């Protein structure tokens, strides 16, 4: 039986995907706060790839560590899994927040999403202008053609509150200085983050817990697809427009099959079918607690979600430190 004839059984695959995220987090645990971004990332990559190759899937990495000539493992186009299972697209970031991990700062996660083959946008490694809000709002309540001020005012109106009651999450970068100034002029609050915009977008979907209503700004396009997969499960809206700085980046888009360089992608255009999504906390934060280490034991918490059912699980996994690689 060929992979194409085997149905994508998200229920059966979900626990396996949770294990992939867990093992990547556990592999990086000993490097939290050690100041070595590359070592932490490589440990997570190695563990995630090893676990993926144990799954009965015919997987293709569509969002990964980079092009094949840039990344020796989990590169875009790499085939993973045993090959004895459904054909699936995989979007992953083995350690979202390598700097956060190295500096022991909040919200470093291991992140992975899986859907049927052909279900995820093959986003090139370029910037994407992103805008996201959580569930419960009318479609298109905000859009990328609005100014930052208009976005805040429109969301406040939809939420039946004042702009001063809105909190916006923005990546702290020089390119966002004008955006930050305009948002603050409305009276809205801003939660600045140094890295990790997948987590930043996910915060919008749990605004009562995180206090964040909206995410906006420019970040990596691959992370935009991962964030869209998360919101596909959690609810909410995300819009993304690819940004190109030079001909090389436009060439990357052409290689990925993208012809309309000005297109605005919605959540369901970035992720066109039901997916499963798993994220494990590494350093802890608003979404997930950190990896807990005590003599002889280690404990992780994983967020496991299925868009088909809307189910969201928070799973604690406690294991002897010497045995977790076999779990």
Protein backbone atom coordinates (compact mmCIF):
# COMPACT_ATOMS: atom_id res chain seq x y z
CA UNK A 1 0.00 0.00 0.00
CA UNK A 2 1.38 3.37 -0.95
CA UNK A 3 1.52 6.31 1.43
CA UNK A 4 -0.95 8.26 -0.70
CA UNK A 5 -3.68 5.62 -0.07
CA UNK A 6 -3.37 5.70 3.70
CA UNK A 7 -5.61 8.17 5.48
CA UNK A 8 -4.16 10.82 7.76
CA UNK A 9 -5.37 9.59 11.16
CA UNK A 10 -4.72 12.63 13.32
CA UNK A 11 -6.00 10.93 16.47
CA UNK A 12 -3.52 8.07 16.28
CA UNK A 13 -0.62 10.30 15.30
CA UNK A 14 -1.17 13.00 17.92
CA UNK A 15 0.50 11.27 20.86
CA UNK A 16 3.49 10.42 18.70
CA UNK A 17 3.78 14.08 17.73
CA UNK A 18 3.66 15.08 21.40
CA UNK A 19 6.57 12.75 22.06
CA UNK A 20 8.56 14.40 19.26
CA UNK A 21 8.13 17.81 20.87
CA UNK A 22 8.89 16.45 24.35
CA UNK A 23 12.10 14.78 23.34
CA UNK A 24 13.38 17.87 21.57
CA UNK A 25 12.72 19.90 24.71
CA UNK A 26 14.38 17.34 26.96
CA UNK A 27 17.45 17.29 24.73
CA UNK A 28 17.89 21.04 25.12
CA UNK A 29 17.13 21.12 28.85
CA UNK A 30 20.72 20.84 30.02
CA UNK A 31 21.68 23.81 27.82
CA UNK A 32 19.18 26.31 29.24
CA UNK A 33 21.06 29.37 30.45
CA UNK A 34 24.42 28.07 29.24
CA UNK A 35 24.90 30.78 26.59
CA UNK A 36 25.35 28.41 23.63
CA UNK A 37 22.54 28.91 21.11
CA UNK A 38 23.97 26.57 18.48
CA UNK A 39 24.48 23.67 20.88
CA UNK A 40 20.94 24.02 22.26
CA UNK A 41 19.45 24.15 18.77
CA UNK A 42 21.49 21.20 17.53
CA UNK A 43 20.49 19.06 20.50
CA UNK A 44 16.81 19.77 19.79
CA UNK A 45 17.23 19.13 16.05
CA UNK A 46 18.93 15.78 16.63
CA UNK A 47 16.27 14.59 19.07
CA UNK A 48 13.34 15.78 16.94
CA UNK A 49 14.69 14.10 13.82
CA UNK A 50 15.37 10.85 15.66
CA UNK A 51 11.82 10.74 17.04
CA UNK A 52 10.21 11.66 13.71
CA UNK A 53 11.99 8.78 12.05
CA UNK A 54 10.31 6.38 14.48
CA UNK A 55 6.81 7.40 13.38
CA UNK A 56 4.92 5.39 10.78
CA UNK A 57 4.55 8.26 8.33
CA UNK A 58 5.83 9.20 4.91
CA UNK A 59 6.66 12.71 6.00
CA UNK A 60 8.14 15.67 4.14
CA UNK A 61 9.51 18.70 5.97
CA UNK A 62 7.90 21.78 4.39
CA UNK A 63 8.86 24.25 7.14
CA UNK A 64 12.19 23.38 8.68
CA UNK A 65 15.72 24.45 9.46
CA UNK A 66 16.31 26.00 6.03
CA UNK A 67 17.20 24.98 2.50
CA UNK A 68 19.08 21.72 2.00
CA UNK A 69 22.39 23.51 1.40
CA UNK A 70 21.92 25.48 4.65
CA UNK A 71 20.82 22.73 7.03
CA UNK A 72 22.16 19.16 7.27
CA UNK A 73 19.08 17.94 9.18
CA UNK A 74 15.36 18.70 9.04
CA UNK A 75 15.92 20.76 5.92
CA UNK A 76 13.04 21.73 3.65
CA UNK A 77 12.18 18.74 1.49
CA UNK A 78 13.76 16.14 3.79
CA UNK A 79 11.80 12.90 4.05
CA UNK A 80 11.21 11.65 7.58
CA UNK A 81 9.41 8.72 9.18
CA UNK A 82 9.49 5.01 8.44
CA UNK A 83 7.72 5.50 5.09
CA UNK A 84 5.05 3.01 6.22
CA UNK A 85 2.16 5.37 6.73
CA UNK A 86 0.23 8.36 5.40
CA UNK A 87 1.89 11.06 3.37
CA UNK A 88 2.15 14.14 5.59
CA UNK A 89 3.48 17.69 5.57
CA UNK A 90 5.53 18.65 8.61
CA UNK A 91 6.24 22.17 9.84
CA UNK A 92 8.65 22.44 12.73
CA UNK A 93 10.95 24.57 14.79
CA UNK A 94 12.98 22.26 17.01
CA UNK A 95 13.78 25.15 19.33
CA UNK A 96 11.78 28.32 18.81
CA UNK A 97 13.82 30.79 20.78
CA UNK A 98 17.44 29.61 20.73
CA UNK A 99 18.55 32.95 22.20
CA UNK A 100 15.82 32.68 24.85
CA UNK A 101 17.12 29.23 25.75
CA UNK A 102 20.76 30.30 25.89
CA UNK A 103 19.86 33.25 28.14
CA UNK A 104 17.16 31.42 30.14
CA UNK A 105 14.49 33.92 29.11
CA UNK A 106 10.75 33.14 28.90
CA UNK A 107 8.77 31.48 26.10
CA UNK A 108 11.29 29.17 24.40
CA UNK A 109 9.35 26.23 22.94
CA UNK A 110 9.80 23.19 20.77
CA UNK A 111 7.11 23.35 18.06
CA UNK A 112 5.84 20.93 15.43
CA UNK A 113 2.72 20.63 13.26
CA UNK A 114 1.58 17.85 10.95
CA UNK A 115 -1.11 17.68 8.29
CA UNK A 116 -1.97 15.72 5.14
CA UNK A 117 0.43 16.04 2.21
CA UNK A 118 -0.07 19.36 0.44
CA UNK A 119 -1.88 21.03 3.34
CA UNK A 120 0.72 23.65 4.34
CA UNK A 121 2.08 26.67 2.54
CA UNK A 122 5.69 26.14 1.47
CA UNK A 123 6.77 29.52 2.78
CA UNK A 124 10.26 30.60 1.68
CA UNK A 125 12.74 31.74 4.30
CA UNK A 126 11.91 35.45 3.98
CA UNK A 127 10.13 37.97 6.16
CA UNK A 128 6.35 38.01 6.52
CA UNK A 129 4.20 40.89 7.70
CA UNK A 130 1.85 39.30 10.25
CA UNK A 131 -1.30 40.28 12.04
CA UNK A 132 -3.20 38.00 14.42
CA UNK A 133 -6.11 38.10 16.85
CA UNK A 134 -7.76 35.42 18.94
CA UNK A 135 -11.14 33.71 18.51
CA UNK A 136 -14.55 35.29 18.91
CA UNK A 137 -14.23 38.20 16.48
CA UNK A 138 -15.92 38.70 13.08
CA UNK A 139 -13.83 37.62 10.09
CA UNK A 140 -11.58 40.42 8.94
CA UNK A 141 -12.12 42.55 12.05
CA UNK A 142 -8.56 43.75 11.40
CA UNK A 143 -6.46 43.49 8.24
CA UNK A 144 -2.97 44.20 6.96
CA UNK A 145 -4.06 47.23 4.97
CA UNK A 146 -5.08 49.04 8.15
CA UNK A 147 -2.61 51.27 9.96
CA UNK A 148 -1.54 50.14 13.44
CA UNK A 149 -3.87 52.79 14.92
CA UNK A 150 -6.82 51.56 12.86
CA UNK A 151 -6.17 47.98 13.94
CA UNK A 152 -6.21 48.87 17.62
CA UNK A 153 -9.35 50.99 17.28
CA UNK A 154 -11.18 48.32 15.24
CA UNK A 155 -10.34 45.56 17.72
CA UNK A 156 -11.35 47.73 20.68
CA UNK A 157 -14.71 48.41 19.00
CA UNK A 158 -15.23 44.69 18.36
CA UNK A 159 -14.28 43.89 21.95
CA UNK A 160 -16.52 46.69 23.25
CA UNK A 161 -13.69 48.30 25.18
CA UNK A 162 -11.42 51.33 24.97
CA UNK A 163 -8.11 51.21 23.05
CA UNK A 164 -6.43 51.58 26.46
CA UNK A 165 -7.75 48.10 27.32
CA UNK A 166 -6.02 46.47 24.32
CA UNK A 167 -2.58 44.85 24.63
CA UNK A 168 -0.53 44.24 21.48
CA UNK A 169 2.44 41.87 21.23
CA UNK A 170 5.27 43.11 18.98
CA UNK A 171 8.76 41.78 18.29
CA UNK A 172 11.28 44.30 19.59
CA UNK A 173 13.24 45.29 16.51
CA UNK A 174 14.40 48.65 15.04
CA UNK A 175 12.13 48.07 12.02
CA UNK A 176 9.11 48.24 14.33
CA UNK A 177 9.89 51.57 16.02
CA UNK A 178 7.30 53.55 14.04
CA UNK A 179 4.67 50.83 14.57
CA UNK A 180 5.35 50.77 18.31
CA UNK A 181 5.07 54.56 18.54
CA UNK A 182 1.74 54.60 16.66
CA UNK A 183 0.25 51.84 18.79
CA UNK A 184 1.27 53.65 21.97
CA UNK A 185 -0.35 56.85 20.68
CA UNK A 186 -3.72 55.05 20.83
CA UNK A 187 -3.24 54.37 24.53
CA UNK A 188 -2.90 50.61 23.99
CA UNK A 189 -0.29 48.64 25.91
CA UNK A 190 2.52 46.75 24.19
CA UNK A 191 4.16 43.53 25.29
CA UNK A 192 7.56 43.57 23.62
CA UNK A 193 9.24 40.23 22.98
CA UNK A 194 12.86 39.70 21.97
CA UNK A 195 12.31 36.41 20.07
CA UNK A 196 9.74 33.69 19.55
CA UNK A 197 6.92 35.06 17.45
CA UNK A 198 5.11 31.70 17.14
CA UNK A 199 4.51 31.92 20.88
CA UNK A 200 3.67 35.60 20.41
CA UNK A 201 0.84 34.76 18.00
CA UNK A 202 -0.37 31.86 20.15
CA UNK A 203 -0.74 34.25 23.09
CA UNK A 204 -3.64 35.93 21.25
CA UNK A 205 -5.68 32.73 21.33
CA UNK A 206 -5.58 32.62 25.14
CA UNK A 207 -5.92 36.31 25.88
CA UNK A 208 -7.61 35.77 29.25
CA UNK A 209 -4.53 33.86 30.41
CA UNK A 210 -1.81 35.85 28.63
CA UNK A 211 -3.34 39.33 28.55
CA UNK A 212 -2.50 39.74 24.85
CA UNK A 213 -5.22 40.68 22.35
CA UNK A 214 -3.33 41.13 19.08
CA UNK A 215 0.02 40.39 17.47
CA UNK A 216 1.52 42.49 14.68
CA UNK A 217 4.84 42.98 12.96
CA UNK A 218 7.39 41.46 10.61
CA UNK A 219 9.02 38.13 11.35
CA UNK A 220 10.01 34.91 9.62
CA UNK A 221 7.55 33.54 7.07
CA UNK A 222 8.10 29.90 8.15
CA UNK A 223 7.10 30.87 11.69
CA UNK A 224 3.97 32.43 10.23
CA UNK A 225 2.87 29.03 8.89
CA UNK A 226 3.57 27.38 12.24
CA UNK A 227 1.55 30.08 13.98
CA UNK A 228 -1.30 29.56 11.50
CA UNK A 229 -1.28 25.83 12.33
CA UNK A 230 -1.55 26.66 16.03
CA UNK A 231 -4.47 29.05 15.46
CA UNK A 232 -6.15 26.47 13.22
CA UNK A 233 -6.42 24.40 16.41
CA UNK A 234 -6.91 27.15 19.00
CA UNK A 235 -9.14 29.49 17.01
CA UNK A 236 -8.38 33.00 15.88
CA UNK A 237 -7.30 34.82 12.74
CA UNK A 238 -3.89 35.42 11.22
CA UNK A 239 -2.97 37.27 8.05
CA UNK A 240 0.42 37.16 6.39
CA UNK A 241 2.06 38.93 3.45
CA UNK A 242 5.51 37.89 2.25
CA UNK A 243 8.16 40.62 2.16
CA UNK A 244 11.11 40.59 -0.22
CA UNK A 245 14.32 42.59 0.14
CA UNK A 246 16.15 41.47 -3.01
CA UNK A 247 16.08 39.25 -6.09
CA UNK A 248 17.51 36.30 -4.17
CA UNK A 249 14.51 36.30 -1.85
CA UNK A 250 12.10 36.64 -4.78
CA UNK A 251 13.90 33.66 -6.31
CA UNK A 252 13.23 31.66 -3.14
CA UNK A 253 9.55 32.41 -3.54
CA UNK A 254 9.59 31.25 -7.16
CA UNK A 255 11.34 28.04 -6.11
CA UNK A 256 8.56 27.46 -3.58
CA UNK A 257 5.94 27.87 -6.32
CA UNK A 258 4.72 31.30 -5.23
CA UNK A 259 3.80 33.59 -8.14
CA UNK A 260 1.70 36.34 -6.50
CA UNK A 261 4.28 38.17 -4.41
CA UNK A 262 1.74 40.60 -2.94
CA UNK A 263 -0.84 38.05 -1.83
CA UNK A 264 -2.26 38.26 1.68
CA UNK A 265 -2.64 34.76 3.12
CA UNK A 266 -5.31 33.94 5.68
CA UNK A 267 -4.97 31.22 8.29
CA UNK A 268 -6.87 28.70 6.19
CA UNK A 269 -4.81 29.53 3.10
CA UNK A 270 -1.56 28.90 4.96
CA UNK A 271 -2.95 25.67 6.42
CA UNK A 272 -5.64 24.25 4.18
CA UNK A 273 -6.61 21.02 6.00
CA UNK A 274 -7.00 19.76 9.55
CA UNK A 275 -3.70 19.49 11.40
CA UNK A 276 -2.24 18.43 14.71
CA UNK A 277 0.10 20.67 16.66
CA UNK A 278 2.39 20.10 19.61
CA UNK A 279 4.54 22.49 21.63
CA UNK A 280 6.62 21.76 24.72
CA UNK A 281 7.82 24.45 27.10
CA UNK A 282 11.58 24.78 27.49
CA UNK A 283 12.14 27.95 29.53
CA UNK A 284 8.55 28.55 30.59
CA UNK A 285 6.29 31.53 30.10
CA UNK A 286 2.69 32.57 29.67
CA UNK A 287 1.74 29.51 27.61
CA UNK A 288 3.68 26.63 29.15
CA UNK A 289 5.81 26.05 32.24
CA UNK A 290 9.53 25.46 31.99
CA UNK A 291 11.24 22.08 32.07
CA UNK A 292 11.51 21.09 35.73
CA UNK A 293 14.63 19.30 36.86
CA UNK A 294 15.15 17.69 40.22
CA UNK A 295 17.64 15.04 41.37
CA UNK A 296 17.08 12.02 39.16
CA UNK A 297 13.95 13.35 37.42
CA UNK A 298 12.85 15.71 34.69
CA UNK A 299 9.34 16.93 33.85
CA UNK A 300 7.91 18.64 30.76
CA UNK A 301 4.53 20.09 29.87
CA UNK A 302 3.23 19.80 26.31
CA UNK A 303 0.35 21.48 24.55
CA UNK A 304 -1.22 19.00 22.12
CA UNK A 305 -4.01 20.15 19.81
CA UNK A 306 -6.15 18.79 16.98
CA UNK A 307 -7.96 21.22 14.69
CA UNK A 308 -10.44 18.54 13.59
CA UNK A 309 -11.98 18.30 17.04
CA UNK A 310 -10.81 21.58 18.56
CA UNK A 311 -9.32 19.57 21.42
CA UNK A 312 -6.53 21.08 23.50
CA UNK A 313 -4.57 18.91 25.90
CA UNK A 314 -1.92 19.97 28.40
CA UNK A 315 0.18 16.93 29.16
CA UNK A 316 2.74 16.55 31.93
CA UNK A 317 5.49 14.01 31.37
CA UNK A 318 7.78 13.01 34.26
CA UNK A 319 10.60 10.58 33.66
CA UNK A 320 13.89 9.46 35.22
CA UNK A 321 16.69 11.53 33.68
CA UNK A 322 18.55 8.44 32.51
CA UNK A 323 15.58 6.91 30.68
CA UNK A 324 13.78 9.69 28.81
CA UNK A 325 15.38 8.94 25.42
CA UNK A 326 13.66 5.55 25.39
CA UNK A 327 10.25 6.85 26.45
